[in-house]
Amino acid sequence: MATLQIAEDIVPIGELKAHLSERIRALRGRHRPLVITQNGKAAAVMLSPEDFDRLTTQARFVAAVQDGLGDLDADRVVSNEDLGRRLDARFGASKPTKKR
């Protein structure tokens, strides 16, 4: 996501109401959030659906990495070989695949 441009990306709610359609259409191409103010204070942020999806995907990835590091720190990890043995014991050994 691009860097916030103070002069363009912060708008009072009254201005947003007056130009809502144009502001929404512009969101997709700008890849920047639109900060909406009410009584001079930030009240909301608008993003394009694509930017929102990108942010939530990144947040889930970071959370998964943090969980994995926490597991490592708490010694809740197994080797690849041990994992293979556990999976084979639970689900049965897989058949070898033929190489072409």
Protein backbone atom coordinates (compact mmCIF):
# COMPACT_ATOMS: atom_id res chain seq x y z
CA MET A 1 0.00 0.00 0.00
CA ALA A 2 1.29 3.46 -0.88
CA THR A 3 2.18 6.11 1.67
CA LEU A 4 -0.60 8.30 3.01
CA GLN A 5 -0.76 11.71 1.33
CA ILE A 6 -2.02 14.12 4.02
CA ALA A 7 -3.43 16.72 1.61
CA GLU A 8 -5.36 14.14 -0.44
CA ASP A 9 -6.12 11.28 1.90
CA ILE A 10 -7.72 12.95 4.92
CA VAL A 11 -11.22 14.29 4.36
CA PRO A 12 -13.95 15.60 6.65
CA ILE A 13 -17.12 13.54 6.71
CA GLY A 14 -19.11 16.41 5.15
CA GLU A 15 -16.83 16.46 2.10
CA LEU A 16 -17.01 12.68 1.86
CA LYS A 17 -20.82 12.80 1.85
CA ALA A 18 -20.79 15.39 -0.93
CA HIS A 19 -18.40 13.38 -3.12
CA LEU A 20 -18.92 9.79 -1.97
CA SER A 21 -19.25 8.17 -5.41
CA GLU A 22 -16.08 9.79 -6.72
CA ARG A 23 -14.11 8.90 -3.57
CA ILE A 24 -15.19 5.26 -3.75
CA ARG A 25 -14.32 5.00 -7.45
CA ALA A 26 -10.88 6.50 -6.77
CA LEU A 27 -10.00 4.02 -4.00
CA ARG A 28 -9.10 1.13 -6.31
CA GLY A 29 -6.48 2.98 -8.33
CA ARG A 30 -4.77 4.85 -5.51
CA HIS A 31 -3.84 1.95 -3.18
CA ARG A 32 -3.92 4.34 -0.22
CA PRO A 33 -6.38 4.50 2.64
CA LEU A 34 -8.82 7.38 2.93
CA VAL A 35 -9.03 8.77 6.47
CA ILE A 36 -12.40 10.31 7.33
CA THR A 37 -12.54 12.89 10.09
CA GLN A 38 -15.44 13.94 12.26
CA ASN A 39 -15.14 17.09 14.38
CA GLY A 40 -11.48 17.31 13.39
CA LYS A 41 -10.53 13.82 14.62
CA ALA A 42 -9.98 10.60 12.69
CA ALA A 43 -13.24 8.63 12.76
CA ALA A 44 -12.90 5.97 10.05
CA VAL A 45 -10.66 4.60 7.31
CA MET A 46 -11.81 3.46 3.86
CA LEU A 47 -9.87 0.97 1.74
CA SER A 48 -10.50 -0.75 -1.55
CA PRO A 49 -11.55 -4.39 -1.20
CA GLU A 50 -8.24 -5.47 -2.75
CA ASP A 51 -6.19 -3.46 -0.24
CA PHE A 52 -8.30 -4.80 2.63
CA ASP A 53 -7.74 -8.38 1.43
CA ARG A 54 -4.00 -7.76 1.11
CA LEU A 55 -3.80 -6.36 4.65
CA THR A 56 -5.78 -9.22 6.19
CA THR A 57 -3.69 -11.82 4.32
CA GLN A 58 -0.50 -10.19 5.58
CA ALA A 59 -1.87 -10.08 9.13
CA ARG A 60 -2.78 -13.80 9.02
CA PHE A 61 0.71 -14.65 7.71
CA VAL A 62 2.42 -12.64 10.45
CA ALA A 63 0.20 -14.27 13.10
CA ALA A 64 1.04 -17.75 11.75
CA VAL A 65 4.77 -16.99 11.85
CA GLN A 66 4.46 -15.68 15.41
CA ASP A 67 2.56 -18.84 16.41
CA GLY A 68 5.26 -20.98 14.84
CA LEU A 69 8.02 -19.09 16.65
CA GLY A 70 6.07 -19.47 19.89
CA ASP A 71 5.87 -23.23 19.29
CA LEU A 72 9.62 -23.30 18.66
CA ASP A 73 10.34 -21.35 21.86
CA ALA A 74 8.04 -23.68 23.85
CA ASP A 75 9.71 -26.76 22.31
CA ARG A 76 6.47 -27.85 20.64
CA VAL A 77 8.12 -28.94 17.39
CA VAL A 78 8.91 -32.32 15.84
CA SER A 79 11.38 -33.39 13.17
CA ASN A 80 10.21 -34.22 9.64
CA GLU A 81 10.97 -37.88 10.29
CA ASP A 82 8.96 -37.95 13.52
CA LEU A 83 6.07 -36.20 11.78
CA GLY A 84 6.15 -38.80 9.01
CA ARG A 85 6.05 -41.64 11.55
CA ARG A 86 3.14 -40.02 13.41
CA LEU A 87 1.16 -39.50 10.20
CA ASP A 88 1.86 -43.07 9.06
CA ALA A 89 0.72 -44.40 12.44
CA ARG A 90 -2.50 -42.40 12.33
CA PHE A 91 -3.42 -42.68 8.66
CA GLY A 92 -1.38 -45.62 7.38
CA ALA A 93 1.78 -45.53 5.36
CA SER A 94 1.47 -43.88 1.99
CA LYS A 95 2.24 -45.86 -1.13
CA PRO A 96 5.40 -44.80 -2.94
CA THR A 97 4.73 -42.83 -6.10
CA LYS A 98 6.18 -43.97 -9.41
CA LYS A 99 8.68 -41.60 -10.94
CA ARG A 100 8.37 -41.00 -14.65
